[in-house]
């Protein structure tokens, strides 16, 4: 399944989402935000997909923010601004809420909305040439509570303020120091590293991975919003599963387990 500027491809247990606008450093339009949400929804519904990886086409950028050339068509009226904002929010929320592990494979520019997309993923694995930044303060843009909280939850309040106050670009090393990046690898090794990481995750017990993602999500909520019943249900589901039996047997038989997610 694919569209012009947003590609979604399945390779074994990995679902790849590719921002395909390299001439504009993969800047995103409204159609691409809509395509992101649709692609994540489809991979969520496909039991054979166990990990979702997001990347940018070409070698210059992950996503370098919004496609400004589309603003006149997409964001020149109040109605258009609201519709665009709804598409952005749906893209972020659908990615953030995916029950499957998500990885942002970041090379080059990861700016504005690109940083927003990356922080909605579970992990960010970056090439040494990666650059992060949120230039809102240079443009007079406002960011909502929900979007700022996602960043604060990841990097903490002080680093979040630094990112917004300075509006500058942070290199991969700085991003790792502030917990914006999980791993930094040489440019030439990025794709193979991410592919191996994704395959490692895909080979583990899906119910365990799913339960940990959901429980961490509940931990990050305010205490009065946490669903502890769901956490207990997911915990019990792991021990009641066929995969738990398979994992024990494989360990005793010194072989690789064949997990089915049941």
C-alpha atoms as a PDB file:
ATOM      1  CA  UNK A   1       0.000   0.000   0.000  1.00  0.00           C
ATOM      2  CA  UNK A   2       1.355   3.396  -0.876  1.00  0.00           C
ATOM      3  CA  UNK A   3       0.623   6.935  -1.949  1.00  0.00           C
ATOM      4  CA  UNK A   4       2.740   9.533  -3.637  1.00  0.00           C
ATOM      5  CA  UNK A   5       4.430  11.195  -0.652  1.00  0.00           C
ATOM      6  CA  UNK A   6       3.827   8.650   2.112  1.00  0.00           C
ATOM      7  CA  UNK A   7       4.773   5.016   1.528  1.00  0.00           C
ATOM      8  CA  UNK A   8       3.829   2.045   3.683  1.00  0.00           C
ATOM      9  CA  UNK A   9       5.526  -1.264   2.974  1.00  0.00           C
ATOM     10  CA  UNK A  10       5.597  -4.580   4.804  1.00  0.00           C
ATOM     11  CA  UNK A  11       8.784  -6.609   5.000  1.00  0.00           C
ATOM     12  CA  UNK A  12       8.376  -9.760   7.064  1.00  0.00           C
ATOM     13  CA  UNK A  13       7.347  -8.719  10.559  1.00  0.00           C
ATOM     14  CA  UNK A  14       8.380  -5.086  10.007  1.00  0.00           C
ATOM     15  CA  UNK A  15       6.030  -2.392   8.737  1.00  0.00           C
ATOM     16  CA  UNK A  16       7.955   0.471   7.117  1.00  0.00           C
ATOM     17  CA  UNK A  17       6.465   3.966   6.873  1.00  0.00           C
ATOM     18  CA  UNK A  18       8.480   6.226   4.581  1.00  0.00           C
ATOM     19  CA  UNK A  19       8.126   9.992   4.259  1.00  0.00           C
ATOM     20  CA  UNK A  20       8.712  10.330   0.542  1.00  0.00           C
ATOM     21  CA  UNK A  21       9.284  13.978  -0.293  1.00  0.00           C
ATOM     22  CA  UNK A  22      13.102  14.106  -0.593  1.00  0.00           C
ATOM     23  CA  UNK A  23      13.146  17.179  -2.855  1.00  0.00           C
ATOM     24  CA  UNK A  24      11.778  19.127   0.138  1.00  0.00           C
ATOM     25  CA  UNK A  25      13.684  17.196   2.809  1.00  0.00           C
ATOM     26  CA  UNK A  26      10.538  15.112   3.436  1.00  0.00           C
ATOM     27  CA  UNK A  27       8.519  18.102   4.612  1.00  0.00           C
ATOM     28  CA  UNK A  28       4.986  16.959   5.456  1.00  0.00           C
ATOM     29  CA  UNK A  29       1.693  18.121   3.961  1.00  0.00           C
ATOM     30  CA  UNK A  30      -1.854  17.499   5.196  1.00  0.00           C
ATOM     31  CA  UNK A  31      -2.158  14.476   2.904  1.00  0.00           C
ATOM     32  CA  UNK A  32       1.001  13.011   4.439  1.00  0.00           C
ATOM     33  CA  UNK A  33      -0.324  13.509   7.984  1.00  0.00           C
ATOM     34  CA  UNK A  34      -3.518  11.714   6.960  1.00  0.00           C
ATOM     35  CA  UNK A  35      -1.469   8.996   5.286  1.00  0.00           C
ATOM     36  CA  UNK A  36       0.615   8.507   8.428  1.00  0.00           C
ATOM     37  CA  UNK A  37      -2.460   7.834  10.556  1.00  0.00           C
ATOM     38  CA  UNK A  38      -3.959   5.519   7.918  1.00  0.00           C
ATOM     39  CA  UNK A  39      -0.718   3.536   7.582  1.00  0.00           C
ATOM     40  CA  UNK A  40      -0.345   3.075  11.342  1.00  0.00           C
ATOM     41  CA  UNK A  41      -3.989   1.956  11.584  1.00  0.00           C
ATOM     42  CA  UNK A  42      -3.458  -0.666   8.887  1.00  0.00           C
ATOM     43  CA  UNK A  43      -0.270  -2.003  10.461  1.00  0.00           C
ATOM     44  CA  UNK A  44      -1.993  -2.102  13.848  1.00  0.00           C
ATOM     45  CA  UNK A  45      -4.691  -4.320  12.334  1.00  0.00           C
ATOM     46  CA  UNK A  46      -2.175  -6.692  10.706  1.00  0.00           C
ATOM     47  CA  UNK A  47      -1.128  -9.401  13.175  1.00  0.00           C
ATOM     48  CA  UNK A  48       1.877 -10.318  11.035  1.00  0.00           C
ATOM     49  CA  UNK A  49       3.409  -6.866  11.627  1.00  0.00           C
ATOM     50  CA  UNK A  50       5.162  -6.794  14.991  1.00  0.00           C
ATOM     51  CA  UNK A  51       7.264  -3.625  14.710  1.00  0.00           C
ATOM     52  CA  UNK A  52       6.678  -0.332  12.874  1.00  0.00           C
ATOM     53  CA  UNK A  53       9.685   1.668  11.622  1.00  0.00           C
ATOM     54  CA  UNK A  54       9.460   5.240  10.317  1.00  0.00           C
ATOM     55  CA  UNK A  55      12.111   6.719   8.041  1.00  0.00           C
ATOM     56  CA  UNK A  56      12.661   9.501   5.528  1.00  0.00           C
ATOM     57  CA  UNK A  57      13.419   8.950   1.853  1.00  0.00           C
ATOM     58  CA  UNK A  58      16.873   9.926   0.637  1.00  0.00           C
ATOM     59  CA  UNK A  59      19.914  10.780   2.726  1.00  0.00           C
ATOM     60  CA  UNK A  60      19.229  14.351   3.864  1.00  0.00           C
ATOM     61  CA  UNK A  61      16.307  14.211   6.270  1.00  0.00           C
ATOM     62  CA  UNK A  62      13.882  12.247   8.379  1.00  0.00           C
ATOM     63  CA  UNK A  63      11.256  15.007   8.258  1.00  0.00           C
ATOM     64  CA  UNK A  64      12.236  18.687   8.022  1.00  0.00           C
ATOM     65  CA  UNK A  65       8.956  20.099   9.304  1.00  0.00           C
ATOM     66  CA  UNK A  66       5.857  21.252   7.434  1.00  0.00           C
ATOM     67  CA  UNK A  67       5.704  21.722   3.665  1.00  0.00           C
ATOM     68  CA  UNK A  68       5.462  25.522   3.577  1.00  0.00           C
ATOM     69  CA  UNK A  69       4.683  25.490  -0.150  1.00  0.00           C
ATOM     70  CA  UNK A  70       1.326  23.929   0.767  1.00  0.00           C
ATOM     71  CA  UNK A  71       0.363  26.614   3.300  1.00  0.00           C
ATOM     72  CA  UNK A  72      -1.522  28.777   0.816  1.00  0.00           C
ATOM     73  CA  UNK A  73      -3.710  25.838  -0.163  1.00  0.00           C
ATOM     74  CA  UNK A  74      -3.957  24.142   3.227  1.00  0.00           C
ATOM     75  CA  UNK A  75      -3.596  26.799   5.949  1.00  0.00           C
ATOM     76  CA  UNK A  76      -4.681  30.177   4.545  1.00  0.00           C
ATOM     77  CA  UNK A  77      -8.140  30.226   6.185  1.00  0.00           C
ATOM     78  CA  UNK A  78      -9.442  29.480   9.667  1.00  0.00           C
ATOM     79  CA  UNK A  79     -11.245  26.451   8.279  1.00  0.00           C
ATOM     80  CA  UNK A  80      -8.065  25.223   6.621  1.00  0.00           C
ATOM     81  CA  UNK A  81      -5.987  25.825   9.763  1.00  0.00           C
ATOM     82  CA  UNK A  82      -8.445  23.771  11.835  1.00  0.00           C
ATOM     83  CA  UNK A  83      -8.529  20.946   9.289  1.00  0.00           C
ATOM     84  CA  UNK A  84      -4.724  20.857   9.103  1.00  0.00           C
ATOM     85  CA  UNK A  85      -4.420  20.848  12.903  1.00  0.00           C
ATOM     86  CA  UNK A  86      -6.893  17.959  13.092  1.00  0.00           C
ATOM     87  CA  UNK A  87      -4.798  15.942  10.632  1.00  0.00           C
ATOM     88  CA  UNK A  88      -1.601  16.645  12.577  1.00  0.00           C
ATOM     89  CA  UNK A  89      -3.234  15.663  15.870  1.00  0.00           C
ATOM     90  CA  UNK A  90      -4.640  12.463  14.362  1.00  0.00           C
ATOM     91  CA  UNK A  91      -1.207  11.574  12.982  1.00  0.00           C
ATOM     92  CA  UNK A  92       0.520  12.119  16.327  1.00  0.00           C
ATOM     93  CA  UNK A  93      -2.204  10.433  18.394  1.00  0.00           C
ATOM     94  CA  UNK A  94      -2.521   7.378  16.153  1.00  0.00           C
ATOM     95  CA  UNK A  95       1.236   6.842  16.223  1.00  0.00           C
ATOM     96  CA  UNK A  96       1.470   7.426  19.971  1.00  0.00           C
ATOM     97  CA  UNK A  97      -1.428   5.046  20.671  1.00  0.00           C
ATOM     98  CA  UNK A  98      -0.181   2.191  18.493  1.00  0.00           C
ATOM     99  CA  UNK A  99      -0.011  -0.998  20.578  1.00  0.00           C
ATOM    100  CA  UNK A 100       3.005  -2.118  18.549  1.00  0.00           C
ATOM    101  CA  UNK A 101       6.636  -1.060  19.086  1.00  0.00           C
ATOM    102  CA  UNK A 102       7.584   1.941  16.956  1.00  0.00           C
ATOM    103  CA  UNK A 103      11.050   3.111  15.945  1.00  0.00           C
ATOM    104  CA  UNK A 104      12.025   6.407  14.312  1.00  0.00           C
ATOM    105  CA  UNK A 105      15.067   5.854  12.107  1.00  0.00           C
ATOM    106  CA  UNK A 106      16.512   9.362  11.966  1.00  0.00           C
ATOM    107  CA  UNK A 107      19.050  10.564   9.456  1.00  0.00           C
ATOM    108  CA  UNK A 108      19.725  14.239   8.774  1.00  0.00           C
ATOM    109  CA  UNK A 109      17.133  16.887   9.532  1.00  0.00           C
ATOM    110  CA  UNK A 110      14.448  16.096  12.106  1.00  0.00           C
ATOM    111  CA  UNK A 111      12.889  19.502  12.588  1.00  0.00           C
ATOM    112  CA  UNK A 112       9.576  20.836  13.909  1.00  0.00           C
ATOM    113  CA  UNK A 113       6.900  18.295  13.044  1.00  0.00           C
ATOM    114  CA  UNK A 114       9.673  15.800  12.352  1.00  0.00           C
ATOM    115  CA  UNK A 115      10.773  16.032  15.974  1.00  0.00           C
ATOM    116  CA  UNK A 116       7.120  15.710  16.964  1.00  0.00           C
ATOM    117  CA  UNK A 117       6.748  12.511  14.946  1.00  0.00           C
ATOM    118  CA  UNK A 118       9.983  11.092  16.342  1.00  0.00           C
ATOM    119  CA  UNK A 119       9.009  11.683  19.982  1.00  0.00           C
ATOM    120  CA  UNK A 120       5.696   9.885  19.385  1.00  0.00           C
ATOM    121  CA  UNK A 121       7.713   6.742  18.610  1.00  0.00           C
ATOM    122  CA  UNK A 122       8.908   4.386  21.341  1.00  0.00           C
ATOM    123  CA  UNK A 123      12.537   4.733  20.297  1.00  0.00           C
ATOM    124  CA  UNK A 124      14.671   7.007  18.181  1.00  0.00           C
ATOM    125  CA  UNK A 125      17.744   5.461  16.579  1.00  0.00           C
ATOM    126  CA  UNK A 126      19.837   8.123  14.866  1.00  0.00           C
ATOM    127  CA  UNK A 127      22.711   8.480  12.477  1.00  0.00           C
ATOM    128  CA  UNK A 128      25.617  10.665  13.516  1.00  0.00           C
ATOM    129  CA  UNK A 129      24.423  13.353  11.084  1.00  0.00           C
ATOM    130  CA  UNK A 130      20.985  13.702  12.717  1.00  0.00           C
ATOM    131  CA  UNK A 131      19.845  17.197  13.711  1.00  0.00           C
ATOM    132  CA  UNK A 132      16.828  17.887  15.930  1.00  0.00           C
ATOM    133  CA  UNK A 133      15.081  21.185  16.500  1.00  0.00           C
ATOM    134  CA  UNK A 134      11.766  22.943  17.129  1.00  0.00           C
ATOM    135  CA  UNK A 135      11.949  26.445  15.561  1.00  0.00           C
ATOM    136  CA  UNK A 136       8.535  27.610  16.852  1.00  0.00           C
ATOM    137  CA  UNK A 137      10.021  30.644  18.639  1.00  0.00           C
ATOM    138  CA  UNK A 138      11.585  31.850  15.368  1.00  0.00           C
ATOM    139  CA  UNK A 139       8.186  31.735  13.656  1.00  0.00           C
ATOM    140  CA  UNK A 140       5.857  32.862  16.431  1.00  0.00           C
ATOM    141  CA  UNK A 141       4.052  29.514  16.476  1.00  0.00           C
ATOM    142  CA  UNK A 142       2.208  28.156  19.502  1.00  0.00           C
ATOM    143  CA  UNK A 143       2.414  24.567  20.749  1.00  0.00           C
ATOM    144  CA  UNK A 144      -0.420  22.909  22.653  1.00  0.00           C
ATOM    145  CA  UNK A 145      -0.286  21.386  26.117  1.00  0.00           C
ATOM    146  CA  UNK A 146      -0.518  17.883  24.669  1.00  0.00           C
ATOM    147  CA  UNK A 147       2.409  18.352  22.275  1.00  0.00           C
ATOM    148  CA  UNK A 148       4.661  20.020  24.844  1.00  0.00           C
ATOM    149  CA  UNK A 149       3.846  17.362  27.431  1.00  0.00           C
ATOM    150  CA  UNK A 150       5.014  14.606  25.069  1.00  0.00           C
ATOM    151  CA  UNK A 151       8.414  16.307  24.895  1.00  0.00           C
ATOM    152  CA  UNK A 152       8.584  17.017  28.645  1.00  0.00           C
ATOM    153  CA  UNK A 153       7.719  13.378  29.421  1.00  0.00           C
ATOM    154  CA  UNK A 154      10.637  12.303  27.241  1.00  0.00           C
ATOM    155  CA  UNK A 155      13.444  14.757  28.001  1.00  0.00           C
ATOM    156  CA  UNK A 156      12.291  16.516  31.189  1.00  0.00           C
ATOM    157  CA  UNK A 157      11.236  20.138  31.757  1.00  0.00           C
ATOM    158  CA  UNK A 158      14.653  21.809  31.579  1.00  0.00           C
ATOM    159  CA  UNK A 159      15.679  20.235  28.257  1.00  0.00           C
ATOM    160  CA  UNK A 160      12.203  20.870  26.803  1.00  0.00           C
ATOM    161  CA  UNK A 161      12.526  24.559  27.694  1.00  0.00           C
ATOM    162  CA  UNK A 162      16.003  24.703  26.145  1.00  0.00           C
ATOM    163  CA  UNK A 163      14.703  23.162  22.911  1.00  0.00           C
ATOM    164  CA  UNK A 164      11.866  25.695  22.664  1.00  0.00           C
ATOM    165  CA  UNK A 165      13.622  28.766  24.082  1.00  0.00           C
ATOM    166  CA  UNK A 166      16.667  28.569  21.802  1.00  0.00           C
ATOM    167  CA  UNK A 167      14.875  27.203  18.700  1.00  0.00           C
ATOM    168  CA  UNK A 168      18.291  25.958  17.606  1.00  0.00           C
ATOM    169  CA  UNK A 169      19.353  22.653  16.113  1.00  0.00           C
ATOM    170  CA  UNK A 170      20.820  19.963  18.349  1.00  0.00           C
ATOM    171  CA  UNK A 171      23.237  17.404  16.946  1.00  0.00           C
ATOM    172  CA  UNK A 172      22.928  13.663  17.536  1.00  0.00           C
ATOM    173  CA  UNK A 173      25.308  13.674  20.500  1.00  0.00           C
ATOM    174  CA  UNK A 174      23.382  16.456  22.215  1.00  0.00           C
ATOM    175  CA  UNK A 175      20.112  14.665  21.478  1.00  0.00           C
ATOM    176  CA  UNK A 176      21.409  11.516  23.148  1.00  0.00           C
ATOM    177  CA  UNK A 177      22.580  13.481  26.200  1.00  0.00           C
ATOM    178  CA  UNK A 178      19.072  14.918  26.666  1.00  0.00           C
ATOM    179  CA  UNK A 179      17.429  11.500  26.101  1.00  0.00           C
ATOM    180  CA  UNK A 180      15.911  12.558  22.802  1.00  0.00           C
ATOM    181  CA  UNK A 181      17.878   9.800  21.035  1.00  0.00           C
ATOM    182  CA  UNK A 182      18.178   6.214  22.284  1.00  0.00           C
ATOM    183  CA  UNK A 183      21.116   5.239  20.091  1.00  0.00           C
ATOM    184  CA  UNK A 184      23.525   7.036  17.755  1.00  0.00           C
ATOM    185  CA  UNK A 185      25.298   5.005  15.068  1.00  0.00           C
ATOM    186  CA  UNK A 186      27.508   5.762  12.051  1.00  0.00           C
ATOM    187  CA  UNK A 187      25.579   6.905   8.976  1.00  0.00           C
ATOM    188  CA  UNK A 188      26.515   3.848   6.933  1.00  0.00           C
ATOM    189  CA  UNK A 189      25.305   1.466   9.627  1.00  0.00           C
ATOM    190  CA  UNK A 190      21.963   3.109  10.422  1.00  0.00           C
ATOM    191  CA  UNK A 191      19.575   1.039   8.321  1.00  0.00           C
ATOM    192  CA  UNK A 192      21.176  -2.327   9.108  1.00  0.00           C
ATOM    193  CA  UNK A 193      21.281  -1.458  12.815  1.00  0.00           C
ATOM    194  CA  UNK A 194      17.613  -0.475  12.872  1.00  0.00           C
ATOM    195  CA  UNK A 195      16.619  -3.518  10.836  1.00  0.00           C
ATOM    196  CA  UNK A 196      18.458  -5.839  13.245  1.00  0.00           C
ATOM    197  CA  UNK A 197      16.919  -4.033  16.242  1.00  0.00           C
ATOM    198  CA  UNK A 198      13.435  -4.345  14.777  1.00  0.00           C
ATOM    199  CA  UNK A 199      13.952  -8.033  13.966  1.00  0.00           C
ATOM    200  CA  UNK A 200      15.170  -8.660  17.515  1.00  0.00           C
ATOM    201  CA  UNK A 201      12.010  -7.073  18.920  1.00  0.00           C
ATOM    202  CA  UNK A 202       9.817  -8.896  16.399  1.00  0.00           C
ATOM    203  CA  UNK A 203      11.301 -12.217  17.512  1.00  0.00           C
ATOM    204  CA  UNK A 204      10.293 -11.688  21.131  1.00  0.00           C
ATOM    205  CA  UNK A 205       6.940 -12.575  22.690  1.00  0.00           C
ATOM    206  CA  UNK A 206       4.351 -10.130  21.263  1.00  0.00           C
ATOM    207  CA  UNK A 207       2.076 -10.280  24.319  1.00  0.00           C
ATOM    208  CA  UNK A 208       4.942  -9.364  26.641  1.00  0.00           C
ATOM    209  CA  UNK A 209       6.038  -6.477  24.429  1.00  0.00           C
ATOM    210  CA  UNK A 210       2.447  -5.259  24.040  1.00  0.00           C
ATOM    211  CA  UNK A 211       1.831  -5.429  27.790  1.00  0.00           C
ATOM    212  CA  UNK A 212       4.984  -3.476  28.633  1.00  0.00           C
ATOM    213  CA  UNK A 213       4.122  -0.736  26.123  1.00  0.00           C
ATOM    214  CA  UNK A 214       0.601  -0.410  27.532  1.00  0.00           C
ATOM    215  CA  UNK A 215       1.709  -0.466  31.174  1.00  0.00           C
ATOM    216  CA  UNK A 216       4.428   2.139  30.588  1.00  0.00           C
ATOM    217  CA  UNK A 217       1.739   4.266  28.932  1.00  0.00           C
ATOM    218  CA  UNK A 218      -0.421   3.994  32.051  1.00  0.00           C
ATOM    219  CA  UNK A 219       2.542   4.860  34.292  1.00  0.00           C
ATOM    220  CA  UNK A 220       3.066   8.071  32.318  1.00  0.00           C
ATOM    221  CA  UNK A 221      -0.516   9.209  32.949  1.00  0.00           C
ATOM    222  CA  UNK A 222      -1.632  11.204  35.967  1.00  0.00           C
ATOM    223  CA  UNK A 223      -2.441   8.865  38.867  1.00  0.00           C
ATOM    224  CA  UNK A 224      -6.188   9.487  38.716  1.00  0.00           C
ATOM    225  CA  UNK A 225      -6.266   8.528  35.022  1.00  0.00           C
ATOM    226  CA  UNK A 226      -4.358   5.250  35.286  1.00  0.00           C
ATOM    227  CA  UNK A 227      -6.156   2.039  34.383  1.00  0.00           C
ATOM    228  CA  UNK A 228      -4.582  -0.453  36.782  1.00  0.00           C
ATOM    229  CA  UNK A 229      -7.194  -3.048  35.896  1.00  0.00           C
ATOM    230  CA  UNK A 230      -5.924  -3.059  32.321  1.00  0.00           C
ATOM    231  CA  UNK A 231      -2.348  -3.470  33.570  1.00  0.00           C
ATOM    232  CA  UNK A 232      -3.338  -6.508  35.642  1.00  0.00           C
ATOM    233  CA  UNK A 233      -5.265  -7.981  32.712  1.00  0.00           C
ATOM    234  CA  UNK A 234      -2.271  -7.675  30.380  1.00  0.00           C
ATOM    235  CA  UNK A 235       0.056  -9.127  33.009  1.00  0.00           C
ATOM    236  CA  UNK A 236      -2.219 -12.154  33.500  1.00  0.00           C
ATOM    237  CA  UNK A 237      -2.621 -12.593  29.756  1.00  0.00           C
ATOM    238  CA  UNK A 238       1.125 -13.175  29.381  1.00  0.00           C
ATOM    239  CA  UNK A 239       1.170 -16.013  31.943  1.00  0.00           C
ATOM    240  CA  UNK A 240      -1.988 -17.581  30.482  1.00  0.00           C
ATOM    241  CA  UNK A 241      -0.598 -17.611  26.933  1.00  0.00           C
ATOM    242  CA  UNK A 242       0.701 -20.361  24.682  1.00  0.00           C
ATOM    243  CA  UNK A 243       3.787 -18.187  24.203  1.00  0.00           C
ATOM    244  CA  UNK A 244       4.647 -18.537  27.904  1.00  0.00           C
ATOM    245  CA  UNK A 245       4.590 -22.335  27.485  1.00  0.00           C
ATOM    246  CA  UNK A 246       6.656 -22.047  24.299  1.00  0.00           C
ATOM    247  CA  UNK A 247       9.186 -19.725  25.949  1.00  0.00           C
ATOM    248  CA  UNK A 248       9.777 -22.144  28.824  1.00  0.00           C
ATOM    249  CA  UNK A 249      10.123 -25.141  26.523  1.00  0.00           C
ATOM    250  CA  UNK A 250      12.478 -23.348  24.157  1.00  0.00           C
ATOM    251  CA  UNK A 251      14.679 -22.301  27.067  1.00  0.00           C
ATOM    252  CA  UNK A 252      14.891 -25.861  28.381  1.00  0.00           C
ATOM    253  CA  UNK A 253      15.502 -27.256  24.889  1.00  0.00           C
ATOM    254  CA  UNK A 254      18.134 -24.596  24.146  1.00  0.00           C
ATOM    255  CA  UNK A 255      16.457 -23.418  20.942  1.00  0.00           C
ATOM    256  CA  UNK A 256      14.985 -20.197  19.608  1.00  0.00           C
ATOM    257  CA  UNK A 257      11.314 -19.812  20.602  1.00  0.00           C
ATOM    258  CA  UNK A 258       8.584 -19.550  17.981  1.00  0.00           C
ATOM    259  CA  UNK A 259       6.179 -16.999  19.432  1.00  0.00           C
ATOM    260  CA  UNK A 260       2.725 -16.611  17.871  1.00  0.00           C
ATOM    261  CA  UNK A 261       1.156 -13.898  20.019  1.00  0.00           C
ATOM    262  CA  UNK A 262      -1.391 -16.294  21.515  1.00  0.00           C
END
